[in-house]
Each structure stands twice: as structure tokens, then as C-alpha cells.
């Protein structure tokens, strides 16, 4: 690539990066405002609704296990109920004691990718992004490599990501002219800013269309009518819990 072409790319990238930084600043402010708007309703939900909602979820899962066990027993199986629940729940009672539905700790229902996987993935995405390619052959290589990186991340395969992280670099920067090094650094920064902007756009969309936002809006309208949305939700869960508890007791007598 001719030096004047590199210089032109550097100028265009600097303009792009300036625009990206401004867009990023605006998005960060907007996302932070949304987070702050939702914190009060989240705290009230966690205090008023979440405890009984979690108990209802535990009870539903326990009933599903009891129904499954009842079907197995009807076919002649003899799997102990305690063994089933010891595998499911994160904090079962001490060995030799009977399970109490009130004492079961609700496991995490939404596991997240480990921070190690995220860090490796982000580093690889920045390092091997096709937009950093210097020529068509380089772009093809990076495109294939990014496909492998994305597949490994989708499978939450940390070992595969680490193996890709140890792969040889696309080229040797030590032999690059200074202008090419400047271009590479600007391309890397541009790719990083693009990633951060896209992540913030996704978070902004998720916050704007979240259940908490719906609750915040509905609660505001209900207050104008003299109603208390969260208290009504908690009362509804309490009713569900009472009904489910009767079903649970009936099933326990059937499988014992």
C-alpha cells in the first residue's frame, strides 16, 4: 500500500474515531440515566415481590419433580425423591433429613458466561477483526478466524478460545513502517469503539424494553388510580403459593 493511501486512511479513521467517541459519550449518559431510573423500582420489586415470586418458582419446580416421580413410580421405578432434589437444589438439607420446601434455596436461573470467556473473546475480536485487514488475503484469513472465535464463544468453550488466542499473529508488526503501525493502532481503536458502541446500544434497548421498565410505567399509572401494583403482584403470588402448596402436599403423599 502506498504511503499517501495510508495517510488518507489515517485521516479518515481519525475523523471516524472522533465521531465514535462523541456517540459513545452520549450513549453512556443515556444508559446511565436508564439504569438510575430503574433502580428504585428494582429495589421495591426485590423487597416486595421477589421473595414470594422465588418461593413460587421453587414450588413449581418441586411439583414438576414430584409429578415426574409419580409417573416413574407408576411404571415401577424406585428413584428416591431426596436424590432427585439433592441434584437440583443448590443448598439441600443435611444428609439424613427430609427436604422442606420452605428451606430450599433458589438456584440461579440465568447463568452467565464467565468473565474469563468474555475477556478472551473480546481480546480476540479486537485482535483479529476483519476490518483490520491490510489486503484481501489477510481479510479472508481474519474472517475465517473470527468465525471460529464466534463459534467457540457461542459454545462457551474457553479452551478453544485460549487455543485460538495462542495462534500465530496475522503479520509481524516489527517489520511495518511507522505509518502502517499508526494505521493499525487507529484501526484497532476504531474496532474497539465500535464494539463498545454496539454493546451500549444493546443495553439501551434491553433497558428500554425490560420488564422493569414496564413495571415502572404501570406502577406510575396505578398510583394515579390509588392502586399499588407491587403489593397486588405480591398478593397474587401469595395466592398462587397457597394453591401450589396444596398440590405439593397431595403429591408428596402420593410418592411417599
Protein backbone atom coordinates (compact mmCIF):
# COMPACT_ATOMS: atom_id res chain seq x y z
CA UNK A 1 0.00 0.00 0.00
CA UNK A 2 1.36 3.43 -1.00
CA UNK A 3 2.25 5.86 1.77
CA UNK A 4 -0.24 8.50 0.59
CA UNK A 5 -3.04 5.91 0.69
CA UNK A 6 -2.08 5.05 4.27
CA UNK A 7 -2.11 8.73 5.21
CA UNK A 8 -5.58 9.16 3.69
CA UNK A 9 -6.85 6.17 5.68
CA UNK A 10 -5.32 7.58 8.86
CA UNK A 11 -7.10 10.90 8.33
CA UNK A 12 -10.44 9.21 7.67
CA UNK A 13 -10.02 6.97 10.71
CA UNK A 14 -9.25 9.93 12.96
CA UNK A 15 -12.46 11.61 11.82
CA UNK A 16 -14.40 8.39 12.39
CA UNK A 17 -12.90 7.88 15.85
CA UNK A 18 -13.77 11.44 16.86
CA UNK A 19 -17.39 10.82 15.85
CA UNK A 20 -17.40 7.43 17.63
CA UNK A 21 -16.12 8.94 20.87
CA UNK A 22 -18.92 11.51 20.84
CA UNK A 23 -21.51 8.83 20.10
CA UNK A 24 -20.08 6.69 22.88
CA UNK A 25 -20.26 9.57 25.37
CA UNK A 26 -23.93 10.21 24.51
CA UNK A 27 -24.79 6.51 24.79
CA UNK A 28 -23.00 6.16 28.13
CA UNK A 29 -25.03 9.08 29.51
CA UNK A 30 -28.30 7.66 28.19
CA UNK A 31 -27.64 4.17 29.55
CA UNK A 32 -26.61 5.52 32.95
CA UNK A 33 -29.81 7.56 33.14
CA UNK A 34 -31.88 4.48 32.30
CA UNK A 35 -30.09 2.43 34.95
CA UNK A 36 -30.75 5.11 37.55
CA UNK A 37 -34.41 5.35 36.53
CA UNK A 38 -34.89 1.62 37.07
CA UNK A 39 -33.01 1.28 40.36
CA UNK A 40 -35.94 2.41 42.60
CA UNK A 41 -38.47 0.02 41.03
CA UNK A 42 -35.90 -2.79 41.12
CA UNK A 43 -35.27 -2.25 44.84
CA UNK A 44 -39.00 -2.18 45.59
CA UNK A 45 -39.60 -5.30 43.48
CA UNK A 46 -36.76 -7.15 45.23
CA UNK A 47 -38.19 -6.19 48.62
CA UNK A 48 -41.93 -6.73 47.99
CA UNK A 49 -42.37 -9.23 45.17
CA UNK A 50 -39.19 -11.22 44.59
CA UNK A 51 -39.19 -13.24 47.86
CA UNK A 52 -42.64 -14.72 47.25
CA UNK A 53 -42.04 -14.99 43.47
CA UNK A 54 -38.91 -17.06 44.16
CA UNK A 55 -40.84 -19.32 46.54
CA UNK A 56 -43.50 -19.86 43.87
CA UNK A 57 -40.80 -20.81 41.33
CA UNK A 58 -39.21 -23.26 43.77
CA UNK A 59 -42.58 -24.81 44.44
CA UNK A 60 -43.38 -25.13 40.73
CA UNK A 61 -40.06 -26.91 40.13
CA UNK A 62 -40.64 -29.20 43.11
CA UNK A 63 -44.11 -30.09 41.85
CA UNK A 64 -42.70 -30.87 38.42
CA UNK A 65 -40.22 -33.26 40.08
CA UNK A 66 -42.98 -34.91 42.11
CA UNK A 67 -45.17 -35.36 39.05
CA UNK A 68 -42.24 -36.91 37.18
CA UNK A 69 -41.52 -39.21 40.13
CA UNK A 70 -45.19 -40.22 40.36
CA UNK A 71 -45.10 -41.25 36.69
CA UNK A 72 -41.91 -43.27 37.28
CA UNK A 73 -43.41 -44.99 40.30
CA UNK A 74 -46.46 -45.89 38.22
CA UNK A 75 -44.05 -47.68 35.87
CA UNK A 76 -42.34 -49.48 38.75
CA UNK A 77 -39.26 -47.25 39.22
CA UNK A 78 -37.90 -46.61 42.72
CA UNK A 79 -35.77 -43.44 42.49
CA UNK A 80 -35.62 -41.77 45.94
CA UNK A 81 -37.11 -38.29 45.96
CA UNK A 82 -34.26 -36.93 48.10
CA UNK A 83 -31.75 -37.96 45.42
CA UNK A 84 -33.66 -36.02 42.77
CA UNK A 85 -33.83 -32.89 44.87
CA UNK A 86 -30.24 -33.12 46.07
CA UNK A 87 -29.18 -32.93 42.40
CA UNK A 88 -31.47 -29.99 41.65
CA UNK A 89 -31.18 -27.57 44.56
CA UNK A 90 -28.08 -25.58 45.42
CA UNK A 91 -28.48 -25.82 49.22
CA UNK A 92 -30.17 -29.11 50.24
CA UNK A 93 -30.60 -30.02 53.93
CA UNK A 94 -28.04 -32.09 55.80
CA UNK A 95 -27.81 -35.76 54.91
CA UNK A 96 -30.48 -37.84 56.59
CA UNK A 97 -33.01 -35.03 56.98
CA UNK A 98 -36.16 -34.56 54.95
CA UNK A 99 -36.50 -31.76 52.44
CA UNK A 100 -38.62 -28.78 53.45
CA UNK A 101 -39.89 -26.69 50.54
CA UNK A 102 -39.66 -23.55 52.69
CA UNK A 103 -35.92 -24.07 53.24
CA UNK A 104 -34.82 -24.71 49.67
CA UNK A 105 -32.57 -22.04 48.20
CA UNK A 106 -33.49 -20.98 44.69
CA UNK A 107 -30.64 -21.64 42.25
CA UNK A 108 -29.52 -19.07 39.72
CA UNK A 109 -31.97 -19.32 36.85
CA UNK A 110 -29.92 -17.24 34.39
CA UNK A 111 -26.32 -18.45 34.29
CA UNK A 112 -23.93 -16.05 32.58
CA UNK A 113 -20.76 -16.59 30.64
CA UNK A 114 -17.73 -16.42 32.87
CA UNK A 115 -15.69 -13.23 32.87
CA UNK A 116 -12.68 -15.22 31.63
CA UNK A 117 -14.53 -16.23 28.48
CA UNK A 118 -15.71 -12.70 27.85
CA UNK A 119 -12.24 -11.24 28.31
CA UNK A 120 -10.59 -13.73 25.96
CA UNK A 121 -13.33 -13.29 23.38
CA UNK A 122 -13.11 -9.50 23.40
CA UNK A 123 -9.34 -9.57 23.11
CA UNK A 124 -9.50 -11.97 20.17
CA UNK A 125 -12.26 -9.98 18.48
CA UNK A 126 -10.18 -6.81 18.70
CA UNK A 127 -7.01 -8.55 17.56
CA UNK A 128 -8.45 -10.48 14.61
CA UNK A 129 -11.32 -8.29 13.40
CA UNK A 130 -11.56 -8.39 9.56
CA UNK A 131 -11.69 -4.58 9.45
CA UNK A 132 -8.00 -4.59 10.47
CA UNK A 133 -7.00 -6.46 7.31
CA UNK A 134 -4.28 -4.96 5.12
CA UNK A 135 -5.19 -6.88 1.98
CA UNK A 136 -7.78 -9.32 0.65
CA UNK A 137 -5.81 -12.42 1.66
CA UNK A 138 -5.46 -11.04 5.18
CA UNK A 139 -9.21 -10.30 5.28
CA UNK A 140 -10.11 -13.85 4.26
CA UNK A 141 -7.82 -15.24 6.95
CA UNK A 142 -9.31 -12.97 9.60
CA UNK A 143 -12.89 -13.75 8.50
CA UNK A 144 -12.28 -17.49 8.87
CA UNK A 145 -10.59 -16.99 12.22
CA UNK A 146 -13.39 -14.76 13.54
CA UNK A 147 -15.92 -17.42 12.56
CA UNK A 148 -14.03 -19.92 14.71
CA UNK A 149 -13.82 -17.39 17.54
CA UNK A 150 -17.55 -16.69 17.40
CA UNK A 151 -18.39 -20.41 17.32
CA UNK A 152 -16.18 -21.08 20.35
CA UNK A 153 -17.76 -18.20 22.26
CA UNK A 154 -21.27 -19.35 21.37
CA UNK A 155 -20.40 -22.78 22.79
CA UNK A 156 -18.80 -21.16 25.87
CA UNK A 157 -15.68 -23.19 25.04
CA UNK A 158 -12.90 -21.42 26.96
CA UNK A 159 -10.26 -23.97 25.93
CA UNK A 160 -11.00 -23.40 22.24
CA UNK A 161 -10.77 -19.64 22.70
CA UNK A 162 -7.48 -19.98 24.53
CA UNK A 163 -6.12 -22.17 21.72
CA UNK A 164 -7.12 -19.52 19.18
CA UNK A 165 -5.54 -16.89 21.41
CA UNK A 166 -2.24 -18.77 21.17
CA UNK A 167 -2.36 -18.91 17.37
CA UNK A 168 0.37 -17.08 15.43
CA UNK A 169 -0.29 -13.41 14.62
CA UNK A 170 -1.53 -12.49 11.18
CA UNK A 171 1.61 -10.49 10.48
CA UNK A 172 4.77 -9.23 12.13
CA UNK A 173 4.37 -5.63 13.27
CA UNK A 174 8.08 -5.31 13.92
CA UNK A 175 8.68 -5.10 10.17
CA UNK A 176 5.97 -2.50 9.49
CA UNK A 177 6.73 1.14 8.62
CA UNK A 178 5.67 3.75 11.18
CA UNK A 179 2.74 4.97 9.10
CA UNK A 180 1.40 1.41 8.86
CA UNK A 181 1.76 0.99 12.61
CA UNK A 182 -0.22 4.20 13.12
CA UNK A 183 -2.90 2.90 10.79
CA UNK A 184 -3.04 -0.43 12.62
CA UNK A 185 -3.40 1.27 16.01
CA UNK A 186 -6.19 3.52 14.72
CA UNK A 187 -7.96 0.55 13.14
CA UNK A 188 -7.76 -1.30 16.46
CA UNK A 189 -9.14 1.69 18.36
CA UNK A 190 -11.94 2.09 15.83
CA UNK A 191 -12.88 -1.60 16.18
CA UNK A 192 -12.86 -1.31 19.99
CA UNK A 193 -15.08 1.77 19.91
CA UNK A 194 -17.45 0.03 17.51
CA UNK A 195 -17.72 -2.91 19.93
CA UNK A 196 -18.40 -0.64 22.91
CA UNK A 197 -20.99 1.37 20.98
CA UNK A 198 -22.83 -1.76 19.86
CA UNK A 199 -22.80 -3.16 23.40
CA UNK A 200 -24.27 0.08 24.77
CA UNK A 201 -26.92 0.17 22.04
CA UNK A 202 -27.96 -3.35 23.00
CA UNK A 203 -28.03 -2.47 26.70
CA UNK A 204 -30.04 0.68 26.00
CA UNK A 205 -32.58 -1.34 24.00
CA UNK A 206 -32.77 -4.03 26.69
CA UNK A 207 -33.28 -1.48 29.46
CA UNK A 208 -35.89 0.46 27.49
CA UNK A 209 -37.88 -2.71 26.74
CA UNK A 210 -37.23 -4.53 30.02
CA UNK A 211 -39.81 -5.95 32.40
CA UNK A 212 -38.63 -3.42 34.98
CA UNK A 213 -39.41 -0.55 32.61
CA UNK A 214 -42.88 -1.99 32.02
CA UNK A 215 -43.36 -2.24 35.79
CA UNK A 216 -42.16 1.33 36.29
CA UNK A 217 -44.66 2.68 33.75
CA UNK A 218 -47.54 0.51 35.01
CA UNK A 219 -46.82 1.39 38.64
CA UNK A 220 -46.96 5.10 37.79
CA UNK A 221 -50.40 4.73 36.21
CA UNK A 222 -51.73 2.53 39.02
CA UNK A 223 -50.65 5.04 41.65
CA UNK A 224 -52.76 7.69 39.95
CA UNK A 225 -55.73 5.36 40.40
CA UNK A 226 -54.86 4.73 44.04
CA UNK A 227 -53.58 1.21 43.39
CA UNK A 228 -50.31 -0.44 44.45
CA UNK A 229 -49.01 -2.61 41.63
CA UNK A 230 -46.21 -4.37 43.53
CA UNK A 231 -48.42 -5.17 46.52
CA UNK A 232 -51.04 -6.59 44.15
CA UNK A 233 -48.37 -8.70 42.42
CA UNK A 234 -47.13 -10.00 45.77
CA UNK A 235 -50.70 -10.84 46.79
CA UNK A 236 -51.21 -12.71 43.51
CA UNK A 237 -48.05 -14.74 44.11
CA UNK A 238 -49.19 -15.48 47.66
CA UNK A 239 -52.44 -16.89 46.26
CA UNK A 240 -50.50 -18.97 43.75
CA UNK A 241 -48.22 -20.21 46.51
CA UNK A 242 -51.15 -21.34 48.69
CA UNK A 243 -52.73 -23.22 45.77
CA UNK A 244 -49.41 -24.76 44.71
CA UNK A 245 -48.65 -25.80 48.29
CA UNK A 246 -51.85 -27.85 48.40
CA UNK A 247 -50.86 -29.52 45.14
CA UNK A 248 -47.38 -30.13 46.52
CA UNK A 249 -48.73 -31.75 49.72
CA UNK A 250 -51.02 -34.02 47.72
CA UNK A 251 -48.16 -35.16 45.52
CA UNK A 252 -45.85 -35.76 48.48
CA UNK A 253 -48.41 -38.12 50.00
CA UNK A 254 -48.72 -39.95 46.69
CA UNK A 255 -45.00 -40.58 46.19
CA UNK A 256 -44.16 -41.44 49.82
